[in-house]
Amino acid sequence: MTSPMTLADWLAHCERLHPKTIDMTLARTKTLIERLGLRFAVPVVTVAGTNGKGSTCAMLEAIGLAAGYKVGAYIKPHLVHFEERCRVNGTMV
């Protein structure tokens, strides 16, 4: 496939690449962080599990914002639009 031209093309491309089985661990995330050599200078909270991740993230985001912190959130899966997955201070980016 040549480089995707639209968001719909990109999403279809990503869906073709994604494995069909669900890996319930954070092993892929850990591997990615290690391979990219990422070092976070700020606290990072990872919320994982079967149920309640969206609600938990929404509460943590609200608490952080109310306390005056700059808060970034990446939520997966999205509810309606792909763009809602990534927010900074409550605003989609």
N, C-alpha and C. Protein backbone atom coordinates (compact mmCIF):
# COMPACT_ATOMS: atom_id res chain seq x y z
N MET A 1 0.85 -1.19 0.00
CA MET A 1 0.00 0.00 0.00
C MET A 1 0.88 1.23 0.00
N THR A 2 0.55 2.20 -0.84
CA THR A 2 1.26 3.47 -0.80
C THR A 2 0.81 4.23 0.43
N SER A 3 1.42 5.36 0.67
CA SER A 3 1.05 6.09 1.89
C SER A 3 -0.42 6.51 1.84
N PRO A 4 -1.14 6.27 2.96
CA PRO A 4 -2.57 6.60 3.04
C PRO A 4 -2.81 8.09 2.82
N MET A 5 -3.90 8.42 2.15
CA MET A 5 -4.19 9.81 1.83
C MET A 5 -5.26 10.42 2.72
N THR A 6 -6.11 9.61 3.30
CA THR A 6 -7.18 10.13 4.13
C THR A 6 -7.17 9.42 5.48
N LEU A 7 -7.89 9.98 6.45
CA LEU A 7 -8.01 9.34 7.75
C LEU A 7 -8.64 7.96 7.60
N ALA A 8 -9.66 7.84 6.76
CA ALA A 8 -10.32 6.55 6.55
C ALA A 8 -9.33 5.52 5.99
N ASP A 9 -8.47 5.95 5.04
CA ASP A 9 -7.45 5.05 4.48
C ASP A 9 -6.48 4.61 5.57
N TRP A 10 -6.05 5.56 6.39
CA TRP A 10 -5.10 5.26 7.47
C TRP A 10 -5.72 4.28 8.47
N LEU A 11 -6.95 4.52 8.86
CA LEU A 11 -7.61 3.62 9.82
C LEU A 11 -7.76 2.22 9.25
N ALA A 12 -8.12 2.12 7.98
CA ALA A 12 -8.25 0.81 7.33
C ALA A 12 -6.89 0.11 7.31
N HIS A 13 -5.84 0.86 7.03
CA HIS A 13 -4.48 0.31 7.02
C HIS A 13 -4.11 -0.21 8.41
N CYS A 14 -4.39 0.56 9.45
CA CYS A 14 -4.09 0.14 10.82
C CYS A 14 -4.87 -1.11 11.21
N GLU A 15 -6.11 -1.19 10.80
CA GLU A 15 -6.93 -2.37 11.12
C GLU A 15 -6.38 -3.62 10.45
N ARG A 16 -5.81 -3.48 9.25
CA ARG A 16 -5.21 -4.63 8.57
C ARG A 16 -3.94 -5.09 9.29
N LEU A 17 -3.22 -4.18 9.91
CA LEU A 17 -1.98 -4.52 10.60
C LEU A 17 -2.20 -5.10 11.98
N HIS A 18 -3.31 -4.74 12.61
CA HIS A 18 -3.55 -5.13 14.00
C HIS A 18 -3.86 -6.62 14.10
N PRO A 19 -3.23 -7.30 15.05
CA PRO A 19 -3.53 -8.73 15.20
C PRO A 19 -4.99 -8.97 15.55
N LYS A 20 -5.50 -10.10 15.14
CA LYS A 20 -6.91 -10.42 15.37
C LYS A 20 -7.16 -10.89 16.80
N THR A 21 -6.14 -11.43 17.45
CA THR A 21 -6.30 -11.85 18.84
C THR A 21 -5.89 -10.72 19.76
N ILE A 22 -6.47 -10.69 20.92
CA ILE A 22 -6.20 -9.61 21.87
C ILE A 22 -5.10 -10.04 22.83
N ASP A 23 -4.06 -9.25 22.92
CA ASP A 23 -2.98 -9.46 23.88
C ASP A 23 -3.36 -8.67 25.12
N MET A 24 -3.66 -9.36 26.20
CA MET A 24 -4.16 -8.71 27.41
C MET A 24 -3.04 -8.22 28.33
N THR A 25 -1.82 -8.18 27.83
CA THR A 25 -0.71 -7.69 28.65
C THR A 25 -0.25 -6.33 28.14
N LEU A 26 0.66 -5.74 28.86
CA LEU A 26 1.27 -4.48 28.42
C LEU A 26 2.65 -4.73 27.80
N ALA A 27 2.92 -5.98 27.42
CA ALA A 27 4.23 -6.35 26.88
C ALA A 27 4.58 -5.56 25.62
N ARG A 28 3.62 -5.39 24.72
CA ARG A 28 3.91 -4.63 23.48
C ARG A 28 4.22 -3.18 23.80
N THR A 29 3.51 -2.61 24.76
CA THR A 29 3.76 -1.23 25.16
C THR A 29 5.15 -1.10 25.76
N LYS A 30 5.50 -2.02 26.63
CA LYS A 30 6.83 -2.01 27.26
C LYS A 30 7.92 -2.14 26.19
N THR A 31 7.73 -3.05 25.24
CA THR A 31 8.70 -3.24 24.16
C THR A 31 8.86 -1.97 23.34
N LEU A 32 7.75 -1.32 23.00
CA LEU A 32 7.80 -0.09 22.23
C LEU A 32 8.55 1.00 22.98
N ILE A 33 8.25 1.18 24.25
CA ILE A 33 8.92 2.19 25.07
C ILE A 33 10.42 1.93 25.10
N GLU A 34 10.81 0.66 25.27
CA GLU A 34 12.23 0.30 25.31
C GLU A 34 12.90 0.54 23.96
N ARG A 35 12.26 0.12 22.87
CA ARG A 35 12.85 0.28 21.53
C ARG A 35 13.00 1.75 21.14
N LEU A 36 12.05 2.56 21.55
CA LEU A 36 12.12 3.99 21.23
C LEU A 36 13.02 4.75 22.19
N GLY A 37 13.42 4.08 23.27
CA GLY A 37 14.27 4.74 24.26
C GLY A 37 13.56 5.86 24.99
N LEU A 38 12.26 5.71 25.19
CA LEU A 38 11.48 6.77 25.83
C LEU A 38 11.80 6.86 27.32
N ARG A 39 11.97 8.06 27.78
CA ARG A 39 12.15 8.34 29.20
C ARG A 39 11.18 9.47 29.53
N PHE A 40 10.26 9.19 30.43
CA PHE A 40 9.24 10.18 30.76
C PHE A 40 9.70 11.05 31.93
N ALA A 41 9.70 12.36 31.71
CA ALA A 41 10.10 13.30 32.76
C ALA A 41 8.92 13.66 33.66
N VAL A 42 7.76 13.16 33.32
CA VAL A 42 6.55 13.44 34.10
C VAL A 42 5.92 12.11 34.49
N PRO A 43 5.08 12.10 35.50
CA PRO A 43 4.42 10.85 35.88
C PRO A 43 3.50 10.34 34.76
N VAL A 44 3.50 9.03 34.57
CA VAL A 44 2.64 8.39 33.58
C VAL A 44 1.81 7.34 34.31
N VAL A 45 0.50 7.37 34.08
CA VAL A 45 -0.40 6.39 34.67
C VAL A 45 -0.97 5.55 33.53
N THR A 46 -0.83 4.24 33.63
CA THR A 46 -1.41 3.33 32.65
C THR A 46 -2.62 2.66 33.29
N VAL A 47 -3.77 2.80 32.66
CA VAL A 47 -5.00 2.17 33.16
C VAL A 47 -5.31 1.01 32.24
N ALA A 48 -5.37 -0.19 32.81
CA ALA A 48 -5.62 -1.39 32.00
C ALA A 48 -6.65 -2.26 32.70
N GLY A 49 -7.23 -3.16 31.94
CA GLY A 49 -8.21 -4.07 32.51
C GLY A 49 -9.36 -4.27 31.56
N THR A 50 -10.34 -5.03 31.99
CA THR A 50 -11.46 -5.38 31.13
C THR A 50 -12.55 -4.31 31.13
N ASN A 51 -12.93 -3.83 32.29
CA ASN A 51 -14.04 -2.88 32.39
C ASN A 51 -13.64 -1.64 33.17
N GLY A 52 -14.22 -0.50 32.81
CA GLY A 52 -14.08 0.71 33.59
C GLY A 52 -12.89 1.59 33.25
N LYS A 53 -12.15 1.27 32.21
CA LYS A 53 -10.98 2.09 31.87
C LYS A 53 -11.37 3.50 31.48
N GLY A 54 -12.40 3.64 30.67
CA GLY A 54 -12.83 4.97 30.24
C GLY A 54 -13.27 5.83 31.40
N SER A 55 -14.06 5.26 32.29
CA SER A 55 -14.53 6.00 33.47
C SER A 55 -13.37 6.35 34.38
N THR A 56 -12.47 5.40 34.58
CA THR A 56 -11.31 5.65 35.44
C THR A 56 -10.45 6.76 34.88
N CYS A 57 -10.19 6.72 33.58
CA CYS A 57 -9.38 7.76 32.94
C CYS A 57 -10.07 9.12 33.01
N ALA A 58 -11.38 9.14 32.80
CA ALA A 58 -12.12 10.40 32.88
C ALA A 58 -12.03 11.00 34.28
N MET A 59 -12.14 10.15 35.30
CA MET A 59 -12.03 10.65 36.68
C MET A 59 -10.62 11.14 36.97
N LEU A 60 -9.60 10.38 36.56
CA LEU A 60 -8.22 10.81 36.80
C LEU A 60 -7.91 12.11 36.06
N GLU A 61 -8.42 12.23 34.84
CA GLU A 61 -8.23 13.45 34.06
C GLU A 61 -8.87 14.64 34.76
N ALA A 62 -10.10 14.47 35.24
CA ALA A 62 -10.81 15.56 35.93
C ALA A 62 -10.10 15.94 37.22
N ILE A 63 -9.62 14.96 37.97
CA ILE A 63 -8.90 15.24 39.22
C ILE A 63 -7.62 16.02 38.92
N GLY A 64 -6.87 15.56 37.93
CA GLY A 64 -5.63 16.25 37.58
C GLY A 64 -5.86 17.68 37.12
N LEU A 65 -6.88 17.88 36.29
CA LEU A 65 -7.20 19.23 35.81
C LEU A 65 -7.66 20.13 36.95
N ALA A 66 -8.50 19.59 37.85
CA ALA A 66 -8.99 20.37 38.99
C ALA A 66 -7.85 20.77 39.92
N ALA A 67 -6.81 19.93 39.96
CA ALA A 67 -5.66 20.23 40.82
C ALA A 67 -4.65 21.14 40.13
N GLY A 68 -4.93 21.54 38.89
CA GLY A 68 -4.07 22.48 38.19
C GLY A 68 -2.96 21.85 37.36
N TYR A 69 -3.01 20.54 37.16
CA TYR A 69 -1.99 19.87 36.36
C TYR A 69 -2.33 19.94 34.88
N LYS A 70 -1.30 19.90 34.04
CA LYS A 70 -1.52 19.71 32.61
C LYS A 70 -1.69 18.22 32.42
N VAL A 71 -2.79 17.81 31.78
CA VAL A 71 -3.13 16.39 31.69
C VAL A 71 -3.27 15.97 30.22
N GLY A 72 -2.58 14.91 29.87
CA GLY A 72 -2.72 14.30 28.56
C GLY A 72 -3.36 12.94 28.73
N ALA A 73 -4.24 12.58 27.81
CA ALA A 73 -4.91 11.28 27.90
C ALA A 73 -4.97 10.66 26.52
N TYR A 74 -4.64 9.37 26.47
CA TYR A 74 -4.84 8.59 25.26
C TYR A 74 -5.75 7.44 25.64
N ILE A 75 -6.94 7.41 25.06
CA ILE A 75 -7.97 6.45 25.41
C ILE A 75 -8.24 5.55 24.20
N LYS A 76 -8.28 4.25 24.43
CA LYS A 76 -8.57 3.31 23.36
C LYS A 76 -9.47 2.23 23.93
N PRO A 77 -10.55 1.91 23.29
CA PRO A 77 -11.02 2.41 22.00
C PRO A 77 -11.79 3.72 22.16
N HIS A 78 -12.00 4.38 21.04
CA HIS A 78 -12.80 5.60 21.04
C HIS A 78 -14.28 5.24 21.06
N LEU A 79 -15.11 6.20 21.44
CA LEU A 79 -16.55 5.95 21.49
C LEU A 79 -17.23 6.24 20.16
N VAL A 80 -16.93 7.40 19.56
CA VAL A 80 -17.60 7.80 18.33
C VAL A 80 -16.58 8.10 17.23
N HIS A 81 -15.64 9.02 17.50
CA HIS A 81 -14.68 9.47 16.51
C HIS A 81 -13.26 9.10 16.93
N PHE A 82 -12.45 8.69 15.97
CA PHE A 82 -11.07 8.29 16.25
C PHE A 82 -10.31 9.41 16.96
N GLU A 83 -10.57 10.65 16.59
CA GLU A 83 -9.84 11.78 17.13
C GLU A 83 -10.04 11.97 18.63
N GLU A 84 -11.09 11.41 19.20
CA GLU A 84 -11.34 11.60 20.63
C GLU A 84 -10.40 10.78 21.49
N ARG A 85 -9.60 9.92 20.88
CA ARG A 85 -8.68 9.09 21.65
C ARG A 85 -7.60 9.91 22.36
N CYS A 86 -7.18 11.00 21.77
CA CYS A 86 -6.06 11.77 22.32
C CYS A 86 -6.55 13.15 22.77
N ARG A 87 -6.31 13.46 24.04
CA ARG A 87 -6.72 14.76 24.59
C ARG A 87 -5.58 15.37 25.40
N VAL A 88 -5.50 16.69 25.35
CA VAL A 88 -4.59 17.44 26.23
C VAL A 88 -5.44 18.48 26.92
N ASN A 89 -5.43 18.42 28.25
CA ASN A 89 -6.26 19.31 29.06
C ASN A 89 -7.73 19.28 28.64
N GLY A 90 -8.21 18.09 28.31
CA GLY A 90 -9.62 17.90 27.99
C GLY A 90 -10.00 18.25 26.56
N THR A 91 -9.04 18.70 25.75
CA THR A 91 -9.32 19.09 24.37
C THR A 91 -8.74 18.05 23.41
N MET A 92 -9.55 17.58 22.46
CA MET A 92 -9.07 16.62 21.48
C MET A 92 -7.96 17.25 20.63
N VAL A 93 -6.95 16.46 20.34
CA VAL A 93 -5.86 16.94 19.48
C VAL A 93 -5.74 16.07 18.25
